[in-house]
Amino acid sequence: MVSQPNSPTTAVLNTIPGTYVFTWTIRNGNICAPSASNVQVVVSSVPPKAANAGADFSACTISVGGTGTATLAGNQPTGTETGIWTVSVRPSGAAPTFANATTYNTNVSGLRAGSYTLRWTLNNGSCSSFDEVVITVGDPPSQATITSGNQNVCLYQPVNLTAAAVTSGTGSWSTGSKPNGSGEPIFDNVNGTSTGVFGLEEGTYTFTFTTRTTAACSESVATPITVVVSAPPTPAISGIDKTTCFGTAIALTGNT
């Protein structure tokens, strides 16, 4: 149906696949012959449904500098629709490979660390629809290891914790346990491999160090260490100086 047949610009509605010829005619009274021109429009197919490549997600490689695999989650073609996965964006040097690019839930392998944009396109004849998914790939984190051992310190003495270098991902310190009723310890470099710990009270604390990369990679948690904080002794008082005679017993009166 031509929505506005007397307008030079109009829309044609309710078409079905096939070939159409439309004629535009201009007249000027009844004396001169009208001028007419034809245009052919081929409606080749029904558009596919909206493509859906799935939600953005993260993945992990099997080792630092290695590659990983991810499972995609596009929507399934129906009827005469077909689908295909393609790579829109990839890190330099990466070569992702689809197990079957025409399968909506295929696996993609060869994923090195970095960001990928993959496109899922649904086709129906000459009509198409596409959507893209972003995959953030990370290497596994470095093995978390605390290099400073258990410590026994006096209240108000400095406490310093150290961990092995982090070459993949980031690290952070955390408190595992602390004395009942005590405040939260403060790390002066919570993401560093060397940190001071402040705000400790009398009692036993455990601390650990954790390394992480992307959400898909398992974090590495170091074996906790223990720091025991003891209260200093009561200040010693030995009593006042005395003068006594030779041979007389001397009584000393220190405090407890």
C-alpha atoms as a PDB file:
ATOM      1  CA  MET A   1       0.000   0.000   0.000  1.00  0.00           C
ATOM      2  CA  VAL A   2       1.339   3.423  -1.026  1.00  0.00           C
ATOM      3  CA  SER A   3       0.655   5.645   1.951  1.00  0.00           C
ATOM      4  CA  GLN A   4       0.681   8.986   0.043  1.00  0.00           C
ATOM      5  CA  PRO A   5       0.248   8.327  -3.703  1.00  0.00           C
ATOM      6  CA  ASN A   6       0.125  12.047  -4.602  1.00  0.00           C
ATOM      7  CA  SER A   7       3.349  12.927  -2.769  1.00  0.00           C
ATOM      8  CA  PRO A   8       6.760  12.693  -4.494  1.00  0.00           C
ATOM      9  CA  THR A   9       8.104  11.113  -1.289  1.00  0.00           C
ATOM     10  CA  THR A  10       6.040   8.377   0.286  1.00  0.00           C
ATOM     11  CA  ALA A  11       6.255   5.044   2.063  1.00  0.00           C
ATOM     12  CA  VAL A  12       5.109   1.664   0.833  1.00  0.00           C
ATOM     13  CA  LEU A  13       3.662  -0.537   3.541  1.00  0.00           C
ATOM     14  CA  ASN A  14       2.693  -4.182   4.003  1.00  0.00           C
ATOM     15  CA  THR A  15       4.987  -5.623   1.346  1.00  0.00           C
ATOM     16  CA  ILE A  16       5.831  -9.304   1.092  1.00  0.00           C
ATOM     17  CA  PRO A  17       8.856 -10.875  -0.604  1.00  0.00           C
ATOM     18  CA  GLY A  18       8.709 -10.354  -4.369  1.00  0.00           C
ATOM     19  CA  THR A  19       9.283  -7.790  -7.152  1.00  0.00           C
ATOM     20  CA  TYR A  20       7.316  -4.540  -7.301  1.00  0.00           C
ATOM     21  CA  VAL A  21       7.177  -1.864 -10.029  1.00  0.00           C
ATOM     22  CA  PHE A  22       5.985   1.579  -8.962  1.00  0.00           C
ATOM     23  CA  THR A  23       5.118   4.356 -11.443  1.00  0.00           C
ATOM     24  CA  TRP A  24       5.434   8.063 -10.680  1.00  0.00           C
ATOM     25  CA  THR A  25       3.357  10.178 -13.070  1.00  0.00           C
ATOM     26  CA  ILE A  26       3.311  13.965 -13.531  1.00  0.00           C
ATOM     27  CA  ARG A  27       0.443  15.649 -15.405  1.00  0.00           C
ATOM     28  CA  ASN A  28      -0.183  19.247 -16.465  1.00  0.00           C
ATOM     29  CA  GLY A  29      -3.772  19.505 -17.616  1.00  0.00           C
ATOM     30  CA  ASN A  30      -5.281  17.385 -20.353  1.00  0.00           C
ATOM     31  CA  ILE A  31      -3.503  18.795 -23.421  1.00  0.00           C
ATOM     32  CA  CYS A  32      -0.005  17.416 -22.958  1.00  0.00           C
ATOM     33  CA  ALA A  33       0.758  13.776 -22.447  1.00  0.00           C
ATOM     34  CA  PRO A  34       1.724  12.907 -18.867  1.00  0.00           C
ATOM     35  CA  SER A  35       5.312  12.098 -17.955  1.00  0.00           C
ATOM     36  CA  ALA A  36       5.850   8.801 -16.175  1.00  0.00           C
ATOM     37  CA  SER A  37       8.805   6.895 -14.742  1.00  0.00           C
ATOM     38  CA  ASN A  38       8.996   3.426 -13.255  1.00  0.00           C
ATOM     39  CA  VAL A  39      11.084   2.161 -10.341  1.00  0.00           C
ATOM     40  CA  GLN A  40      11.542  -1.499  -9.476  1.00  0.00           C
ATOM     41  CA  VAL A  41      11.828  -2.616  -5.856  1.00  0.00           C
ATOM     42  CA  VAL A  42      12.778  -6.167  -4.958  1.00  0.00           C
ATOM     43  CA  VAL A  43      11.728  -7.272  -1.487  1.00  0.00           C
ATOM     44  CA  SER A  44      13.974 -10.276  -1.129  1.00  0.00           C
ATOM     45  CA  SER A  45      13.120 -11.663   2.289  1.00  0.00           C
ATOM     46  CA  VAL A  46      11.626 -11.120   5.718  1.00  0.00           C
ATOM     47  CA  PRO A  47      14.109  -9.468   8.121  1.00  0.00           C
ATOM     48  CA  PRO A  48      15.499 -11.811  10.782  1.00  0.00           C
ATOM     49  CA  LYS A  49      14.719 -11.269  14.433  1.00  0.00           C
ATOM     50  CA  ALA A  50      17.054  -9.000  16.409  1.00  0.00           C
ATOM     51  CA  ALA A  51      20.414 -10.670  16.943  1.00  0.00           C
ATOM     52  CA  ASN A  52      21.582 -11.087  20.546  1.00  0.00           C
ATOM     53  CA  ALA A  53      25.242 -11.942  21.151  1.00  0.00           C
ATOM     54  CA  GLY A  54      24.768 -12.391  24.901  1.00  0.00           C
ATOM     55  CA  ALA A  55      26.031 -10.384  27.859  1.00  0.00           C
ATOM     56  CA  ASP A  56      29.629  -9.165  28.107  1.00  0.00           C
ATOM     57  CA  PHE A  57      31.803 -11.459  30.228  1.00  0.00           C
ATOM     58  CA  SER A  58      35.371 -12.273  31.240  1.00  0.00           C
ATOM     59  CA  ALA A  59      37.548 -15.325  30.601  1.00  0.00           C
ATOM     60  CA  CYS A  60      40.887 -16.674  31.779  1.00  0.00           C
ATOM     61  CA  THR A  61      43.902 -18.106  29.987  1.00  0.00           C
ATOM     62  CA  ILE A  62      45.365 -21.424  31.129  1.00  0.00           C
ATOM     63  CA  SER A  63      48.704 -19.809  32.017  1.00  0.00           C
ATOM     64  CA  VAL A  64      50.485 -16.468  31.935  1.00  0.00           C
ATOM     65  CA  GLY A  65      51.141 -15.683  28.275  1.00  0.00           C
ATOM     66  CA  GLY A  66      48.986 -18.627  27.174  1.00  0.00           C
ATOM     67  CA  THR A  67      45.542 -18.784  25.607  1.00  0.00           C
ATOM     68  CA  GLY A  68      42.048 -19.557  26.836  1.00  0.00           C
ATOM     69  CA  THR A  69      38.679 -20.741  25.543  1.00  0.00           C
ATOM     70  CA  ALA A  70      35.202 -19.284  26.028  1.00  0.00           C
ATOM     71  CA  THR A  71      31.682 -20.445  25.218  1.00  0.00           C
ATOM     72  CA  LEU A  72      29.500 -17.947  23.360  1.00  0.00           C
ATOM     73  CA  ALA A  73      25.779 -17.417  23.914  1.00  0.00           C
ATOM     74  CA  GLY A  74      24.128 -15.900  20.861  1.00  0.00           C
ATOM     75  CA  ASN A  75      20.421 -16.385  20.188  1.00  0.00           C
ATOM     76  CA  GLN A  76      19.480 -19.371  18.042  1.00  0.00           C
ATOM     77  CA  PRO A  77      18.416 -18.848  14.406  1.00  0.00           C
ATOM     78  CA  THR A  78      14.917 -20.053  13.567  1.00  0.00           C
ATOM     79  CA  GLY A  79      13.108 -20.859  10.343  1.00  0.00           C
ATOM     80  CA  THR A  80      15.156 -19.799   7.318  1.00  0.00           C
ATOM     81  CA  GLU A  81      17.543 -17.672   9.398  1.00  0.00           C
ATOM     82  CA  THR A  82      21.262 -18.424   9.523  1.00  0.00           C
ATOM     83  CA  GLY A  83      23.893 -17.040  11.865  1.00  0.00           C
ATOM     84  CA  ILE A  84      27.629 -16.414  11.829  1.00  0.00           C
ATOM     85  CA  TRP A  85      30.247 -15.232  14.338  1.00  0.00           C
ATOM     86  CA  THR A  86      33.004 -12.826  13.291  1.00  0.00           C
ATOM     87  CA  VAL A  87      35.764 -10.953  15.138  1.00  0.00           C
ATOM     88  CA  SER A  88      35.364  -7.166  15.257  1.00  0.00           C
ATOM     89  CA  VAL A  89      38.151  -6.242  17.712  1.00  0.00           C
ATOM     90  CA  ARG A  90      41.049  -8.291  19.083  1.00  0.00           C
ATOM     91  CA  PRO A  91      44.405  -7.622  20.779  1.00  0.00           C
ATOM     92  CA  SER A  92      47.412  -7.280  18.516  1.00  0.00           C
ATOM     93  CA  GLY A  93      48.814 -10.692  17.633  1.00  0.00           C
ATOM     94  CA  ALA A  94      45.796 -12.641  18.896  1.00  0.00           C
ATOM     95  CA  ALA A  95      44.168 -15.216  16.605  1.00  0.00           C
ATOM     96  CA  PRO A  96      40.802 -16.310  18.040  1.00  0.00           C
ATOM     97  CA  THR A  97      39.269 -19.351  16.352  1.00  0.00           C
ATOM     98  CA  PHE A  98      35.617 -20.444  16.356  1.00  0.00           C
ATOM     99  CA  ALA A  99      34.893 -24.152  16.666  1.00  0.00           C
ATOM    100  CA  ASN A 100      31.930 -23.574  14.323  1.00  0.00           C
ATOM    101  CA  ALA A 101      31.299 -19.948  13.370  1.00  0.00           C
ATOM    102  CA  THR A 102      27.718 -20.701  12.303  1.00  0.00           C
ATOM    103  CA  THR A 103      26.677 -22.164  15.680  1.00  0.00           C
ATOM    104  CA  TYR A 104      25.073 -19.717  18.115  1.00  0.00           C
ATOM    105  CA  ASN A 105      26.663 -21.314  21.222  1.00  0.00           C
ATOM    106  CA  THR A 106      30.031 -22.284  19.791  1.00  0.00           C
ATOM    107  CA  ASN A 107      33.389 -22.168  21.580  1.00  0.00           C
ATOM    108  CA  VAL A 108      36.070 -19.640  20.686  1.00  0.00           C
ATOM    109  CA  SER A 109      39.687 -20.547  21.429  1.00  0.00           C
ATOM    110  CA  GLY A 110      43.089 -18.900  21.081  1.00  0.00           C
ATOM    111  CA  LEU A 111      42.141 -16.060  23.431  1.00  0.00           C
ATOM    112  CA  ARG A 112      45.192 -14.230  24.746  1.00  0.00           C
ATOM    113  CA  ALA A 113      44.952 -11.632  27.500  1.00  0.00           C
ATOM    114  CA  GLY A 114      43.134  -8.508  26.329  1.00  0.00           C
ATOM    115  CA  SER A 115      39.736  -7.311  25.130  1.00  0.00           C
ATOM    116  CA  TYR A 116      37.770  -8.895  22.280  1.00  0.00           C
ATOM    117  CA  THR A 117      34.604  -7.763  20.511  1.00  0.00           C
ATOM    118  CA  LEU A 118      32.801 -10.589  18.710  1.00  0.00           C
ATOM    119  CA  ARG A 119      29.836 -10.051  16.387  1.00  0.00           C
ATOM    120  CA  TRP A 120      26.861 -12.405  15.999  1.00  0.00           C
ATOM    121  CA  THR A 121      24.945 -11.798  12.758  1.00  0.00           C
ATOM    122  CA  LEU A 122      21.573 -13.286  11.850  1.00  0.00           C
ATOM    123  CA  ASN A 123      20.785 -13.436   8.122  1.00  0.00           C
ATOM    124  CA  ASN A 124      17.582 -14.125   6.253  1.00  0.00           C
ATOM    125  CA  GLY A 125      18.134 -13.747   2.532  1.00  0.00           C
ATOM    126  CA  SER A 126      19.656 -10.307   1.984  1.00  0.00           C
ATOM    127  CA  CYS A 127      18.403  -8.961   5.326  1.00  0.00           C
ATOM    128  CA  SER A 128      20.523  -9.130   8.448  1.00  0.00           C
ATOM    129  CA  SER A 129      20.734  -8.129  12.090  1.00  0.00           C
ATOM    130  CA  PHE A 130      23.804  -8.150  14.342  1.00  0.00           C
ATOM    131  CA  ASP A 131      24.854  -7.701  17.958  1.00  0.00           C
ATOM    132  CA  GLU A 132      28.264  -7.693  19.659  1.00  0.00           C
ATOM    133  CA  VAL A 133      29.668  -9.115  22.887  1.00  0.00           C
ATOM    134  CA  VAL A 134      32.832  -7.931  24.662  1.00  0.00           C
ATOM    135  CA  ILE A 135      35.061 -10.567  26.284  1.00  0.00           C
ATOM    136  CA  THR A 136      37.764  -9.436  28.713  1.00  0.00           C
ATOM    137  CA  VAL A 137      40.473 -12.089  28.952  1.00  0.00           C
ATOM    138  CA  GLY A 138      43.077 -12.163  31.714  1.00  0.00           C
ATOM    139  CA  ASP A 139      46.036 -14.325  32.671  1.00  0.00           C
ATOM    140  CA  PRO A 140      45.919 -16.233  35.978  1.00  0.00           C
ATOM    141  CA  PRO A 141      47.344 -14.216  38.885  1.00  0.00           C
ATOM    142  CA  SER A 142      50.797 -14.771  40.326  1.00  0.00           C
ATOM    143  CA  GLN A 143      51.043 -17.317  43.121  1.00  0.00           C
ATOM    144  CA  ALA A 144      50.427 -15.411  46.344  1.00  0.00           C
ATOM    145  CA  THR A 145      53.195 -16.028  48.885  1.00  0.00           C
ATOM    146  CA  ILE A 146      53.918 -14.199  52.134  1.00  0.00           C
ATOM    147  CA  THR A 147      57.665 -13.961  52.678  1.00  0.00           C
ATOM    148  CA  SER A 148      57.599 -12.530  56.204  1.00  0.00           C
ATOM    149  CA  GLY A 149      57.053 -15.215  58.834  1.00  0.00           C
ATOM    150  CA  ASN A 150      54.966 -15.304  61.987  1.00  0.00           C
ATOM    151  CA  GLN A 151      55.791 -12.489  64.386  1.00  0.00           C
ATOM    152  CA  ASN A 152      55.677 -11.884  68.130  1.00  0.00           C
ATOM    153  CA  VAL A 153      55.817  -8.191  68.924  1.00  0.00           C
ATOM    154  CA  CYS A 154      55.280  -5.861  71.806  1.00  0.00           C
ATOM    155  CA  LEU A 155      52.355  -3.470  71.753  1.00  0.00           C
ATOM    156  CA  TYR A 156      53.181  -0.305  69.759  1.00  0.00           C
ATOM    157  CA  GLN A 157      56.165  -1.913  68.035  1.00  0.00           C
ATOM    158  CA  PRO A 158      56.108  -1.597  64.220  1.00  0.00           C
ATOM    159  CA  VAL A 159      54.822  -4.574  62.221  1.00  0.00           C
ATOM    160  CA  ASN A 160      55.826  -4.998  58.581  1.00  0.00           C
ATOM    161  CA  LEU A 161      54.501  -7.673  56.211  1.00  0.00           C
ATOM    162  CA  THR A 162      56.097  -8.698  52.907  1.00  0.00           C
ATOM    163  CA  ALA A 163      54.974 -10.861  49.983  1.00  0.00           C
ATOM    164  CA  ALA A 164      56.594 -12.238  46.836  1.00  0.00           C
ATOM    165  CA  ALA A 165      56.570 -10.013  43.735  1.00  0.00           C
ATOM    166  CA  VAL A 166      53.324  -9.927  41.734  1.00  0.00           C
ATOM    167  CA  THR A 167      54.041 -10.255  38.006  1.00  0.00           C
ATOM    168  CA  SER A 168      50.471 -11.035  36.896  1.00  0.00           C
ATOM    169  CA  GLY A 169      47.450  -9.228  38.304  1.00  0.00           C
ATOM    170  CA  THR A 170      47.277  -7.204  41.495  1.00  0.00           C
ATOM    171  CA  GLY A 171      47.667  -8.100  45.149  1.00  0.00           C
ATOM    172  CA  SER A 172      46.013  -6.981  48.366  1.00  0.00           C
ATOM    173  CA  TRP A 173      46.422  -7.574  52.101  1.00  0.00           C
ATOM    174  CA  SER A 174      43.548  -8.516  54.372  1.00  0.00           C
ATOM    175  CA  THR A 175      42.920  -9.408  57.991  1.00  0.00           C
ATOM    176  CA  GLY A 176      41.756 -12.947  58.656  1.00  0.00           C
ATOM    177  CA  SER A 177      41.131 -12.773  62.400  1.00  0.00           C
ATOM    178  CA  LYS A 178      41.708 -10.321  65.231  1.00  0.00           C
ATOM    179  CA  PRO A 179      41.114 -10.075  68.991  1.00  0.00           C
ATOM    180  CA  ASN A 180      37.482  -9.723  70.031  1.00  0.00           C
ATOM    181  CA  GLY A 181      36.422  -6.118  70.321  1.00  0.00           C
ATOM    182  CA  SER A 182      39.537  -4.731  68.646  1.00  0.00           C
ATOM    183  CA  GLY A 183      39.466  -2.228  65.799  1.00  0.00           C
ATOM    184  CA  GLU A 184      40.250  -3.044  62.192  1.00  0.00           C
ATOM    185  CA  PRO A 185      44.009  -3.025  61.456  1.00  0.00           C
ATOM    186  CA  ILE A 186      45.214  -0.410  58.968  1.00  0.00           C
ATOM    187  CA  PHE A 187      47.597  -1.260  56.097  1.00  0.00           C
ATOM    188  CA  ASP A 188      49.656   1.673  54.856  1.00  0.00           C
ATOM    189  CA  ASN A 189      50.136  -0.014  51.443  1.00  0.00           C
ATOM    190  CA  VAL A 190      47.267  -2.468  51.106  1.00  0.00           C
ATOM    191  CA  ASN A 191      48.064  -3.342  47.462  1.00  0.00           C
ATOM    192  CA  GLY A 192      51.838  -3.427  47.823  1.00  0.00           C
ATOM    193  CA  THR A 193      54.093  -6.403  48.437  1.00  0.00           C
ATOM    194  CA  SER A 194      55.460  -4.624  51.515  1.00  0.00           C
ATOM    195  CA  THR A 195      53.186  -2.911  54.000  1.00  0.00           C
ATOM    196  CA  GLY A 196      53.145  -1.661  57.542  1.00  0.00           C
ATOM    197  CA  VAL A 197      50.240  -2.599  59.817  1.00  0.00           C
ATOM    198  CA  PHE A 198      48.931  -0.150  62.392  1.00  0.00           C
ATOM    199  CA  GLY A 199      46.213  -0.002  65.021  1.00  0.00           C
ATOM    200  CA  LEU A 200      47.067  -3.379  66.560  1.00  0.00           C
ATOM    201  CA  GLU A 201      45.919  -4.177  70.082  1.00  0.00           C
ATOM    202  CA  GLU A 202      46.953  -6.904  72.495  1.00  0.00           C
ATOM    203  CA  GLY A 203      46.076 -10.339  71.139  1.00  0.00           C
ATOM    204  CA  THR A 204      46.498 -12.596  68.106  1.00  0.00           C
ATOM    205  CA  TYR A 205      45.998 -11.567  64.475  1.00  0.00           C
ATOM    206  CA  THR A 206      46.155 -13.466  61.186  1.00  0.00           C
ATOM    207  CA  PHE A 207      46.911 -11.742  57.886  1.00  0.00           C
ATOM    208  CA  THR A 208      46.926 -12.978  54.305  1.00  0.00           C
ATOM    209  CA  PHE A 209      47.821 -11.750  50.824  1.00  0.00           C
ATOM    210  CA  THR A 210      45.641 -12.383  47.746  1.00  0.00           C
ATOM    211  CA  THR A 211      46.400 -11.923  44.035  1.00  0.00           C
ATOM    212  CA  ARG A 212      43.700 -11.431  41.374  1.00  0.00           C
ATOM    213  CA  THR A 213      43.258 -10.688  37.660  1.00  0.00           C
ATOM    214  CA  THR A 214      39.866 -10.942  35.881  1.00  0.00           C
ATOM    215  CA  ALA A 215      36.714 -12.245  37.527  1.00  0.00           C
ATOM    216  CA  ALA A 216      36.987 -15.470  35.511  1.00  0.00           C
ATOM    217  CA  CYS A 217      40.431 -16.351  36.895  1.00  0.00           C
ATOM    218  CA  SER A 218      40.631 -17.986  40.307  1.00  0.00           C
ATOM    219  CA  GLU A 219      42.359 -15.797  42.851  1.00  0.00           C
ATOM    220  CA  SER A 220      45.474 -17.015  44.645  1.00  0.00           C
ATOM    221  CA  VAL A 221      45.394 -16.799  48.450  1.00  0.00           C
ATOM    222  CA  ALA A 222      48.606 -17.071  50.459  1.00  0.00           C
ATOM    223  CA  THR A 223      48.902 -19.163  53.600  1.00  0.00           C
ATOM    224  CA  PRO A 224      48.071 -16.764  56.455  1.00  0.00           C
ATOM    225  CA  ILE A 225      50.670 -15.659  58.966  1.00  0.00           C
ATOM    226  CA  THR A 226      50.134 -14.986  62.665  1.00  0.00           C
ATOM    227  CA  VAL A 227      51.137 -11.870  64.561  1.00  0.00           C
ATOM    228  CA  VAL A 228      50.926 -12.054  68.360  1.00  0.00           C
ATOM    229  CA  VAL A 229      50.897  -8.687  70.106  1.00  0.00           C
ATOM    230  CA  SER A 230      51.840  -8.712  73.797  1.00  0.00           C
ATOM    231  CA  ALA A 231      51.348  -5.912  76.303  1.00  0.00           C
ATOM    232  CA  PRO A 232      54.569  -4.391  77.680  1.00  0.00           C
ATOM    233  CA  PRO A 233      55.376  -5.179  81.332  1.00  0.00           C
ATOM    234  CA  THR A 234      54.474  -2.805  84.123  1.00  0.00           C
ATOM    235  CA  PRO A 235      57.224  -0.163  84.524  1.00  0.00           C
ATOM    236  CA  ALA A 236      59.730  -1.440  87.113  1.00  0.00           C
ATOM    237  CA  ILE A 237      60.088   0.488  90.371  1.00  0.00           C
ATOM    238  CA  SER A 238      62.937  -0.665  92.639  1.00  0.00           C
ATOM    239  CA  GLY A 239      62.155   1.599  95.594  1.00  0.00           C
ATOM    240  CA  ILE A 240      64.117   4.484  97.099  1.00  0.00           C
ATOM    241  CA  ASP A 241      67.868   4.552  97.637  1.00  0.00           C
ATOM    242  CA  LYS A 242      68.999   3.520 101.136  1.00  0.00           C
ATOM    243  CA  THR A 243      72.012   3.765 103.460  1.00  0.00           C
ATOM    244  CA  THR A 244      72.523   0.983 106.002  1.00  0.00           C
ATOM    245  CA  CYS A 245      75.151  -0.325 108.411  1.00  0.00           C
ATOM    246  CA  PHE A 246      77.520  -3.116 107.584  1.00  0.00           C
ATOM    247  CA  GLY A 247      76.116  -6.477 108.559  1.00  0.00           C
ATOM    248  CA  THR A 248      72.516  -5.286 108.531  1.00  0.00           C
ATOM    249  CA  ALA A 249      70.055  -7.161 106.324  1.00  0.00           C
ATOM    250  CA  ILE A 250      68.964  -5.148 103.301  1.00  0.00           C
ATOM    251  CA  ALA A 251      65.270  -5.204 102.369  1.00  0.00           C
ATOM    252  CA  LEU A 252      64.497  -4.495  98.709  1.00  0.00           C
ATOM    253  CA  THR A 253      60.969  -3.452  97.740  1.00  0.00           C
ATOM    254  CA  GLY A 254      60.430  -3.642  93.994  1.00  0.00           C
ATOM    255  CA  ASN A 255      56.924  -3.445  92.529  1.00  0.00           C
ATOM    256  CA  THR A 256      54.973  -6.294  90.928  1.00  0.00           C
END
